[in-house]
Amino acid sequence: MTHRSKIRRHAGYRPTSACAAALFAAFALVVSIAARAQTSPEVQITTAAVWDFEFDSARNGKECPSCNFNNGNSRLTFIDNDRNLWLAWVDFQTGAFVPPDGKGQLLDVGAVPVATFGNGPEWMSSSTYGSQVVYSKFLPGQEGRPGKATIAVATTMANGVWTTTVLPDSVGRATPVGTLDETDSDPRVNYIRYDKTGMFWRRMSQPGVENVMPISDMTEGNARRWVPGTRKMIFQGTPRTTAASDRASPKLPNPPVPDQIFTYDTDTGELEQLTDDPVGFVGAFMWNAPEYDNELVFMTTPSGRQSIKVFRKVKGFDGVLRWTVVKTVSTDPALGLPFFFSPEPMVHNGRSYLVFQLSPDFKFYDKSVPTHIGISGILPRRNDLRVLTEGGPARLRLDPEYFITAKGPYIYYKRSIPETATSPPLNDGVWYVDTKLGPPRR
């Protein structure tokens, strides 16, 4: 789940023609100086506007044709602008979408489009139900009314037919995120109140019981993700001690309190602050890193967005384990792409990689500035950042998602022709670029 809610709030932004032209010219100059021939060409998957698609579990390089009652796990899902929830397949050998426009099987109607809340459908995995889809859905006759959104779940049945159900008493709830542990017999889903004033979770064994997460005073629900193998959620939020004083004196000329990274345990209610830095952080992912014997590590972006930092629990001289930066990823200034957006970790053949969007502009919502897709490892003292689309045309490349095919990891993204003073951004379909990291080892 990315920071699409923030992007949506700035959707009406339009730069002046002079500013747009200057930024575009500066970007073109940098590319003409720094770009080399692409090591891997960009490949167009479809010309259709398949927004905010999410891949099923085969994205991790393990195809399972017999899973989900022989429906497989090499799939994707998305919601179109007409409120339809779709399922399509990914050819594990070639990386192609089947069918190309993503409209393979209609799972439900009345789903909430991405533009409403800033996020589309998500997968939820378990040993009990296989791969399910969780999504926001309008009540019949209430389409277009955010306050009437609900939480819905789509499930594959034994006969291959999909069924959909709305969780009881979920009116006014939105943007669900499911757990992804395929060995878990009781998956969970977390979500927010439609106006971002509350956060909740449920277990699928008790779908009618809503549990409150008492952290809505710290976060609006942005960038919340489940921690693998746990019942915890990692999120960005304002430290509670300073947040309370700010709320008590909102008119005082105090500088904004920078967000930090926290975890919240839905079993115990324990809240843990992982970072304490005056710069602050935006978003976070936690995963099991093979480089560190599959220990849990996490990555986050400092508020300036000019680097990505990877944290690991390291024992200090006093014998206490503390979350410590073990890797900082940044770009060469000569490249002219200093800003990182939509970073996400990927594990392939015993190594962790970070996939991200690179931009010459801090304003990630500016649709006039072309962007690129990059990748980096996480090992200390190794500068292995690569711009995968270097040498490509001037395009907006947004929301990168990885899928590890039989030939290796491909990075998929939406591409658009940048807006100008006289034209909005124009859809250029979905593309991928090969990371050249090789096929998955068996």
Protein backbone atom coordinates (compact mmCIF):
# COMPACT_ATOMS: atom_id res chain seq x y z
CA MET A 1 0.00 0.00 0.00
CA THR A 2 1.56 3.27 -1.10
CA HIS A 3 0.92 6.90 -0.19
CA ARG A 4 -1.74 7.21 -2.84
CA SER A 5 -4.07 9.03 -0.45
CA LYS A 6 -1.57 11.89 -0.35
CA ILE A 7 -1.25 11.84 -4.10
CA ARG A 8 -5.01 12.05 -4.45
CA ARG A 9 -5.22 15.13 -2.23
CA HIS A 10 -2.95 16.96 -4.66
CA ALA A 11 -4.69 15.69 -7.78
CA GLY A 12 -5.78 19.19 -8.73
CA TYR A 13 -2.24 20.57 -8.74
CA ARG A 14 -1.19 22.15 -12.02
CA PRO A 15 2.22 23.78 -12.45
CA THR A 16 2.63 26.98 -14.34
CA SER A 17 3.72 26.49 -17.93
CA ALA A 18 7.07 28.18 -17.24
CA CYS A 19 7.78 25.94 -14.24
CA ALA A 20 6.78 22.79 -16.11
CA ALA A 21 8.91 23.73 -19.08
CA ALA A 22 11.93 24.47 -16.90
CA LEU A 23 11.68 21.20 -15.01
CA PHE A 24 11.19 19.23 -18.20
CA ALA A 25 14.17 20.91 -19.84
CA ALA A 26 16.36 20.28 -16.79
CA PHE A 27 15.38 16.63 -16.77
CA ALA A 28 16.07 16.26 -20.48
CA LEU A 29 19.51 17.81 -20.02
CA VAL A 30 20.39 15.46 -17.18
CA VAL A 31 19.26 12.42 -19.14
CA SER A 32 21.18 13.50 -22.23
CA ILE A 33 24.36 13.78 -20.13
CA ALA A 34 23.96 10.85 -17.74
CA ALA A 35 21.96 8.23 -19.61
CA ARG A 36 23.51 5.22 -21.23
CA ALA A 37 21.90 2.64 -23.47
CA GLN A 38 19.29 0.66 -21.60
CA THR A 39 20.55 -2.71 -20.40
CA SER A 40 16.99 -4.04 -20.55
CA PRO A 41 14.29 -2.50 -22.77
CA GLU A 42 10.89 -1.49 -21.43
CA VAL A 43 8.16 -3.89 -22.58
CA GLN A 44 4.55 -2.81 -22.93
CA ILE A 45 2.07 -5.25 -21.39
CA THR A 46 -1.11 -3.42 -22.35
CA THR A 47 -2.37 -0.07 -23.57
CA ALA A 48 -5.32 -0.33 -21.15
CA ALA A 49 -5.51 1.77 -18.00
CA VAL A 50 -5.04 -1.01 -15.43
CA TRP A 51 -4.67 1.07 -12.29
CA ASP A 52 -3.30 -0.07 -8.95
CA PHE A 53 -3.19 -3.77 -9.82
CA GLU A 54 -1.93 -6.24 -7.20
CA PHE A 55 -0.27 -9.60 -7.84
CA ASP A 56 -1.11 -12.91 -6.15
CA SER A 57 1.54 -15.00 -4.36
CA ALA A 58 3.30 -16.30 -7.51
CA ARG A 59 4.95 -12.85 -7.60
CA ASN A 60 7.52 -14.30 -5.20
CA GLY A 61 8.79 -16.74 -7.85
CA LYS A 62 6.81 -19.83 -6.83
CA GLU A 63 4.04 -20.71 -9.25
CA CYS A 64 1.42 -23.14 -7.92
CA PRO A 65 -1.06 -24.20 -10.66
CA SER A 66 -2.91 -26.51 -8.24
CA CYS A 67 -3.46 -23.80 -5.62
CA ASN A 68 -6.85 -22.18 -5.11
CA PHE A 69 -8.69 -25.26 -6.37
CA ASN A 70 -6.57 -25.43 -9.54
CA ASN A 71 -7.19 -21.78 -10.27
CA GLY A 72 -3.48 -21.10 -9.69
CA ASN A 73 -1.69 -18.27 -7.92
CA SER A 74 -0.16 -16.45 -10.89
CA ARG A 75 -2.83 -13.77 -11.00
CA LEU A 76 -3.61 -10.10 -10.55
CA THR A 77 -6.62 -8.08 -9.49
CA PHE A 78 -7.72 -4.46 -9.95
CA ILE A 79 -10.77 -2.18 -9.92
CA ASP A 80 -11.67 -0.22 -13.04
CA ASN A 81 -13.20 3.24 -13.18
CA ASP A 82 -16.67 1.70 -13.59
CA ARG A 83 -16.43 0.08 -10.13
CA ASN A 84 -15.84 -3.45 -11.40
CA LEU A 85 -13.47 -5.82 -9.57
CA TRP A 86 -11.48 -7.92 -12.06
CA LEU A 87 -9.24 -10.96 -11.97
CA ALA A 88 -6.64 -11.80 -14.63
CA TRP A 89 -3.69 -14.17 -14.95
CA VAL A 90 0.04 -13.64 -15.38
CA ASP A 91 1.87 -15.96 -17.79
CA PHE A 92 4.60 -17.20 -15.46
CA GLN A 93 6.93 -17.96 -18.39
CA THR A 94 6.63 -14.66 -20.26
CA GLY A 95 5.26 -12.17 -17.72
CA ALA A 96 2.33 -11.26 -20.01
CA PHE A 97 -1.12 -10.39 -18.63
CA VAL A 98 -3.87 -12.81 -19.72
CA PRO A 99 -5.93 -11.12 -21.06
CA PRO A 100 -3.77 -8.02 -21.65
CA ASP A 101 -6.39 -5.53 -20.37
CA GLY A 102 -6.68 -7.38 -17.04
CA LYS A 103 -10.40 -8.07 -17.52
CA GLY A 104 -10.32 -11.85 -17.38
CA GLN A 105 -13.02 -12.65 -14.83
CA LEU A 106 -15.50 -10.26 -13.25
CA LEU A 107 -15.50 -10.89 -9.49
CA ASP A 108 -17.84 -8.14 -8.28
CA VAL A 109 -19.54 -4.86 -9.16
CA GLY A 110 -19.87 -1.73 -7.05
CA ALA A 111 -16.26 -1.81 -5.86
CA VAL A 112 -14.75 1.51 -4.79
CA PRO A 113 -12.38 2.93 -7.45
CA VAL A 114 -8.80 3.85 -6.51
CA ALA A 115 -9.43 7.59 -6.80
CA THR A 116 -11.93 7.59 -3.92
CA PHE A 117 -9.65 6.51 -1.08
CA GLY A 118 -6.27 6.26 -2.78
CA ASN A 119 -5.99 2.47 -2.73
CA GLY A 120 -7.42 -0.49 -4.63
CA PRO A 121 -7.91 -4.19 -3.82
CA GLU A 122 -5.36 -6.27 -1.89
CA TRP A 123 -4.68 -10.00 -1.57
CA MET A 124 -5.07 -11.96 1.68
CA SER A 125 -3.40 -15.39 1.94
CA SER A 126 -3.94 -18.32 4.31
CA SER A 127 -3.91 -22.11 4.54
CA THR A 128 -7.67 -22.08 5.16
CA TYR A 129 -8.99 -19.94 2.33
CA GLY A 130 -6.10 -19.78 -0.14
CA SER A 131 -5.73 -16.42 -1.90
CA GLN A 132 -8.63 -14.06 -1.21
CA VAL A 133 -9.18 -10.49 -2.38
CA VAL A 134 -10.13 -7.79 0.13
CA TYR A 135 -11.50 -4.48 -1.15
CA SER A 136 -13.78 -1.54 -0.45
CA LYS A 137 -17.31 -1.82 -1.81
CA PHE A 138 -20.27 0.54 -1.96
CA LEU A 139 -23.62 -0.60 -0.64
CA PRO A 140 -26.13 -1.10 -3.50
CA GLY A 141 -27.63 2.23 -4.47
CA GLN A 142 -24.95 4.13 -2.55
CA GLU A 143 -22.28 4.21 -5.24
CA GLY A 144 -20.11 7.30 -5.06
CA ARG A 145 -20.80 7.98 -1.37
CA PRO A 146 -17.57 7.36 0.60
CA GLY A 147 -19.41 7.16 3.91
CA LYS A 148 -21.36 4.16 2.61
CA ALA A 149 -18.31 2.10 1.69
CA THR A 150 -17.91 -1.34 3.28
CA ILE A 151 -15.23 -4.05 3.57
CA ALA A 152 -15.71 -6.96 1.17
CA VAL A 153 -13.93 -10.29 0.65
CA ALA A 154 -13.84 -12.39 -2.54
CA THR A 155 -13.03 -16.10 -2.17
CA THR A 156 -12.49 -19.00 -4.59
CA MET A 157 -14.75 -21.98 -3.85
CA ALA A 158 -14.03 -25.70 -4.46
CA ASN A 159 -15.86 -25.63 -7.80
CA GLY A 160 -13.70 -22.73 -9.00
CA VAL A 161 -16.51 -20.19 -8.64
CA TRP A 162 -15.78 -16.96 -6.78
CA THR A 163 -18.10 -15.78 -4.01
CA THR A 164 -18.14 -12.31 -2.46
CA THR A 165 -19.30 -11.22 0.96
CA VAL A 166 -19.46 -7.93 2.86
CA LEU A 167 -18.18 -8.07 6.44
CA PRO A 168 -20.99 -7.45 8.94
CA ASP A 169 -21.37 -3.94 10.34
CA SER A 170 -18.62 -2.50 8.14
CA VAL A 171 -20.44 0.52 6.73
CA GLY A 172 -18.17 3.54 6.64
CA ARG A 173 -15.01 1.41 6.48
CA ALA A 174 -12.41 1.41 3.70
CA THR A 175 -9.00 0.37 2.30
CA PRO A 176 -8.56 -3.13 3.77
CA VAL A 177 -5.13 -4.78 3.92
CA GLY A 178 -4.92 -8.54 4.47
CA THR A 179 -2.20 -10.74 5.98
CA LEU A 180 -0.12 -12.71 3.46
CA ASP A 181 1.07 -15.76 5.43
CA GLU A 182 0.15 -18.84 3.37
CA THR A 183 0.62 -21.11 6.40
CA ASP A 184 -1.74 -19.08 8.59
CA SER A 185 -5.06 -20.79 9.33
CA ASP A 186 -6.74 -17.59 10.55
CA PRO A 187 -5.87 -14.56 8.38
CA ARG A 188 -6.59 -11.00 9.44
CA VAL A 189 -7.53 -7.76 7.76
CA ASN A 190 -6.97 -4.18 8.93
CA TYR A 191 -8.75 -1.10 7.59
CA ILE A 192 -9.73 2.47 8.42
CA ARG A 193 -12.85 4.57 8.90
CA TYR A 194 -13.62 6.26 5.59
CA ASP A 195 -12.72 9.71 6.99
CA LYS A 196 -9.44 8.40 8.53
CA THR A 197 -10.57 8.98 12.10
CA GLY A 198 -10.39 5.34 13.17
CA MET A 199 -8.45 2.11 12.56
CA PHE A 200 -9.67 -1.46 13.00
CA TRP A 201 -8.89 -5.12 12.40
CA ARG A 202 -10.74 -8.45 12.22
CA ARG A 203 -9.81 -12.13 12.09
CA MET A 204 -11.55 -14.19 9.43
CA SER A 205 -12.59 -16.83 11.98
CA GLN A 206 -14.71 -14.07 13.59
CA PRO A 207 -15.62 -11.83 10.65
CA GLY A 208 -18.39 -10.10 12.57
CA VAL A 209 -16.14 -8.89 15.40
CA GLU A 210 -14.47 -5.52 14.82
CA ASN A 211 -11.43 -4.70 16.94
CA VAL A 212 -10.33 -1.10 17.46
CA MET A 213 -6.67 -0.16 17.05
CA PRO A 214 -6.10 2.70 19.52
CA ILE A 215 -3.58 4.52 17.36
CA SER A 216 -5.78 6.79 15.23
CA ASP A 217 -4.46 9.79 17.18
CA MET A 218 -1.02 9.01 15.74
CA THR A 219 -1.79 8.18 12.11
CA GLU A 220 -4.43 8.54 9.44
CA GLY A 221 -3.76 4.99 8.32
CA ASN A 222 -1.23 5.75 5.60
CA ALA A 223 1.49 3.19 4.83
CA ARG A 224 0.21 0.49 7.23
CA ARG A 225 1.36 -3.04 6.47
CA TRP A 226 1.36 -6.38 8.25
CA VAL A 227 4.69 -7.67 9.55
CA PRO A 228 5.35 -11.16 8.06
CA GLY A 229 4.93 -14.07 10.45
CA THR A 230 3.47 -11.89 13.21
CA ARG A 231 0.21 -10.24 14.26
CA LYS A 232 1.88 -6.84 14.16
CA MET A 233 1.35 -3.91 11.86
CA ILE A 234 4.13 -1.47 10.90
CA PHE A 235 3.12 2.12 10.24
CA GLN A 236 4.28 5.72 10.19
CA GLY A 237 2.86 7.96 12.89
CA THR A 238 3.39 11.01 15.08
CA PRO A 239 4.91 10.18 18.47
CA ARG A 240 2.10 10.31 20.99
CA THR A 241 3.76 12.56 23.61
CA THR A 242 4.44 15.36 21.13
CA ALA A 243 1.26 14.76 19.17
CA ALA A 244 -0.84 15.34 22.30
CA SER A 245 0.81 18.69 23.05
CA ASP A 246 0.38 19.82 19.48
CA ARG A 247 -3.32 18.99 19.56
CA ALA A 248 -3.74 20.85 22.86
CA SER A 249 -2.13 23.99 21.43
CA PRO A 250 -2.82 23.94 17.71
CA LYS A 251 -2.22 27.68 17.31
CA LEU A 252 1.27 27.73 18.76
CA PRO A 253 3.96 28.42 16.13
CA ASN A 254 5.68 25.08 16.75
CA PRO A 255 7.29 23.28 13.82
CA PRO A 256 5.49 20.12 12.65
CA VAL A 257 6.39 17.02 14.65
CA PRO A 258 8.17 14.58 12.31
CA ASP A 259 6.59 11.15 11.90
CA GLN A 260 8.45 8.07 13.10
CA ILE A 261 8.02 4.34 12.46
CA PHE A 262 6.07 2.13 14.89
CA THR A 263 4.65 -1.36 15.20
CA TYR A 264 1.34 -2.23 16.83
CA ASP A 265 0.64 -5.82 17.96
CA THR A 266 -3.02 -6.74 17.38
CA ASP A 267 -2.71 -9.65 19.85
CA THR A 268 -1.16 -7.86 22.81
CA GLY A 269 -1.87 -4.18 22.11
CA GLU A 270 1.85 -3.42 22.43
CA LEU A 271 3.01 -0.25 20.66
CA GLU A 272 6.72 -0.03 19.85
CA GLN A 273 8.53 3.00 18.42
CA LEU A 274 11.27 1.82 16.07
CA THR A 275 12.86 5.14 15.08
CA ASP A 276 13.66 8.41 16.81
CA ASP A 277 15.16 10.85 14.36
CA PRO A 278 14.49 14.61 14.05
CA VAL A 279 14.25 14.23 10.28
CA GLY A 280 11.26 11.88 10.44
CA PHE A 281 10.24 9.11 8.05
CA VAL A 282 7.66 8.31 5.39
CA GLY A 283 6.29 4.78 4.99
CA ALA A 284 7.83 1.44 5.95
CA PHE A 285 8.06 -2.23 4.99
CA MET A 286 9.29 -5.06 7.23
CA TRP A 287 10.45 -8.40 5.84
CA ASN A 288 12.66 -11.44 6.52
CA ALA A 289 16.09 -10.73 5.04
CA PRO A 290 18.14 -13.74 3.86
CA GLU A 291 21.33 -11.66 4.29
CA TYR A 292 20.72 -11.74 8.05
CA ASP A 293 19.54 -15.33 8.56
CA ASN A 294 15.98 -14.28 7.76
CA GLU A 295 15.84 -11.81 10.64
CA LEU A 296 13.12 -9.19 10.38
CA VAL A 297 14.48 -5.89 9.04
CA PHE A 298 12.63 -2.83 7.80
CA MET A 299 13.11 -0.09 5.27
CA THR A 300 11.80 3.46 5.34
CA THR A 301 12.34 6.77 3.57
CA PRO A 302 13.54 9.88 5.45
CA SER A 303 11.12 12.80 5.10
CA GLY A 304 13.34 14.49 2.54
CA ARG A 305 12.88 11.44 0.28
CA GLN A 306 16.51 11.59 -0.88
CA SER A 307 17.47 8.17 0.43
CA ILE A 308 16.13 4.85 1.69
CA LYS A 309 17.35 3.47 5.00
CA VAL A 310 17.37 -0.19 6.04
CA PHE A 311 17.22 -0.92 9.79
CA ARG A 312 18.27 -4.08 11.62
CA LYS A 313 18.31 -4.88 15.33
CA VAL A 314 21.96 -4.65 16.35
CA LYS A 315 23.40 -5.26 19.82
CA GLY A 316 25.17 -2.23 21.28
CA PHE A 317 28.18 -2.15 23.59
CA ASP A 318 25.75 -2.33 26.50
CA GLY A 319 24.32 -5.58 25.16
CA VAL A 320 20.94 -4.03 24.27
CA LEU A 321 19.41 -4.71 20.85
CA ARG A 322 18.41 -1.51 19.03
CA TRP A 323 17.06 -0.79 15.58
CA THR A 324 20.09 0.54 13.71
CA VAL A 325 20.67 1.74 10.15
CA VAL A 326 22.73 -0.86 8.28
CA LYS A 327 22.24 0.45 4.74
CA THR A 328 21.56 3.84 3.18
CA VAL A 329 20.58 3.90 -0.50
CA SER A 330 21.03 7.16 -2.41
CA THR A 331 21.79 8.15 -5.99
CA ASP A 332 24.81 9.73 -7.63
CA PRO A 333 24.15 13.50 -7.82
CA ALA A 334 25.32 13.48 -11.44
CA LEU A 335 22.33 11.33 -12.34
CA GLY A 336 19.89 14.10 -11.45
CA LEU A 337 17.36 11.73 -9.86
CA PRO A 338 17.75 12.31 -6.12
CA PHE A 339 14.20 11.59 -4.89
CA PHE A 340 12.75 8.18 -3.99
CA PHE A 341 9.07 7.23 -4.07
CA SER A 342 7.02 4.01 -3.68
CA PRO A 343 9.91 1.83 -2.43
CA GLU A 344 9.19 -1.86 -1.83
CA PRO A 345 11.38 -4.83 -0.80
CA MET A 346 11.76 -8.00 -2.86
CA VAL A 347 13.58 -11.25 -2.02
CA HIS A 348 15.14 -13.26 -4.84
CA ASN A 349 17.67 -16.11 -4.75
CA GLY A 350 18.86 -15.40 -1.23
CA ARG A 351 19.17 -11.63 -1.61
CA SER A 352 16.98 -8.68 -0.70
CA TYR A 353 16.39 -5.87 -3.18
CA LEU A 354 14.60 -2.54 -2.97
CA VAL A 355 12.51 -1.45 -5.96
CA PHE A 356 11.51 2.20 -6.29
CA GLN A 357 10.56 5.17 -8.42
CA LEU A 358 13.20 7.87 -8.98
CA SER A 359 12.45 11.50 -9.74
CA PRO A 360 14.28 14.81 -10.22
CA ASP A 361 11.45 16.55 -8.33
CA PHE A 362 10.43 16.37 -4.66
CA LYS A 363 6.78 16.95 -5.64
CA PHE A 364 5.83 13.33 -6.35
CA TYR A 365 2.32 14.46 -7.32
CA ASP A 366 3.68 16.65 -10.14
CA LYS A 367 2.50 14.93 -13.32
CA SER A 368 4.67 17.07 -15.59
CA VAL A 369 8.03 15.63 -14.49
CA PRO A 370 9.24 12.33 -16.01
CA THR A 371 10.39 9.61 -13.62
CA HIS A 372 12.35 6.35 -13.71
CA ILE A 373 12.41 2.92 -12.06
CA GLY A 374 15.40 1.81 -9.98
CA ILE A 375 16.63 -1.14 -7.92
CA SER A 376 19.26 -1.65 -5.20
CA GLY A 377 20.54 -4.37 -2.90
CA ILE A 378 20.74 -3.90 0.87
CA LEU A 379 24.24 -5.12 1.70
CA PRO A 380 26.37 -2.51 3.50
CA ARG A 381 29.33 -0.95 1.69
CA ARG A 382 28.01 -2.09 -1.67
CA ASN A 383 26.76 0.60 -4.06
CA ASP A 384 24.68 -1.45 -6.47
CA LEU A 385 21.84 0.95 -7.31
CA ARG A 386 20.75 0.68 -10.96
CA VAL A 387 18.32 2.79 -12.96
CA LEU A 388 16.44 0.11 -14.90
CA THR A 389 14.76 2.49 -17.33
CA GLU A 390 17.78 4.68 -17.96
CA GLY A 391 17.88 5.77 -21.59
CA GLY A 392 14.11 5.37 -21.99
CA PRO A 393 11.73 8.08 -23.19
CA ALA A 394 10.51 10.95 -21.01
CA ARG A 395 7.57 9.30 -19.23
CA LEU A 396 5.88 9.18 -15.86
CA ARG A 397 6.61 5.74 -14.38
CA LEU A 398 4.47 5.13 -11.31
CA ASP A 399 3.79 2.56 -8.59
CA PRO A 400 6.39 -0.14 -9.38
CA GLU A 401 5.39 -3.72 -8.49
CA TYR A 402 7.65 -6.76 -8.78
CA PHE A 403 6.75 -10.20 -10.15
CA ILE A 404 9.39 -12.94 -10.23
CA THR A 405 8.72 -14.86 -13.45
CA ALA A 406 10.39 -18.07 -14.64
CA LYS A 407 13.01 -15.82 -16.28
CA GLY A 408 13.59 -13.70 -13.19
CA PRO A 409 12.15 -10.58 -11.52
CA TYR A 410 10.28 -8.14 -13.74
CA ILE A 411 9.27 -4.71 -12.44
CA TYR A 412 5.82 -3.59 -13.63
CA TYR A 413 4.58 -0.01 -13.56
CA LYS A 414 2.05 2.37 -15.03
CA ARG A 415 3.42 4.74 -17.66
CA SER A 416 2.03 8.08 -18.81
CA ILE A 417 3.05 10.84 -21.16
CA PRO A 418 3.73 13.84 -18.89
CA GLU A 419 1.23 16.65 -18.74
CA THR A 420 1.96 20.01 -20.32
CA ALA A 421 0.48 23.48 -19.97
CA THR A 422 -2.14 22.50 -22.56
CA SER A 423 -2.60 18.76 -22.02
CA PRO A 424 -3.22 16.48 -19.01
CA PRO A 425 -1.07 13.35 -18.58
CA LEU A 426 -1.94 10.72 -21.18
CA ASN A 427 -2.19 7.04 -20.34
CA ASP A 428 0.61 4.98 -21.88
CA GLY A 429 -0.47 1.61 -20.49
CA VAL A 430 1.34 -0.89 -18.26
CA TRP A 431 4.99 -1.78 -18.85
CA TYR A 432 7.68 -3.93 -17.32
CA VAL A 433 11.46 -4.00 -17.31
CA ASP A 434 13.62 -7.08 -16.69
CA THR A 435 15.98 -6.73 -13.70
CA LYS A 436 18.45 -9.22 -15.28
CA LEU A 437 18.82 -10.96 -11.92
CA GLY A 438 18.24 -14.40 -13.43
CA PRO A 439 15.63 -17.16 -12.94
CA PRO A 440 14.53 -18.25 -9.47
CA ARG A 441 16.56 -21.13 -8.04
CA ARG A 442 14.61 -24.28 -7.19
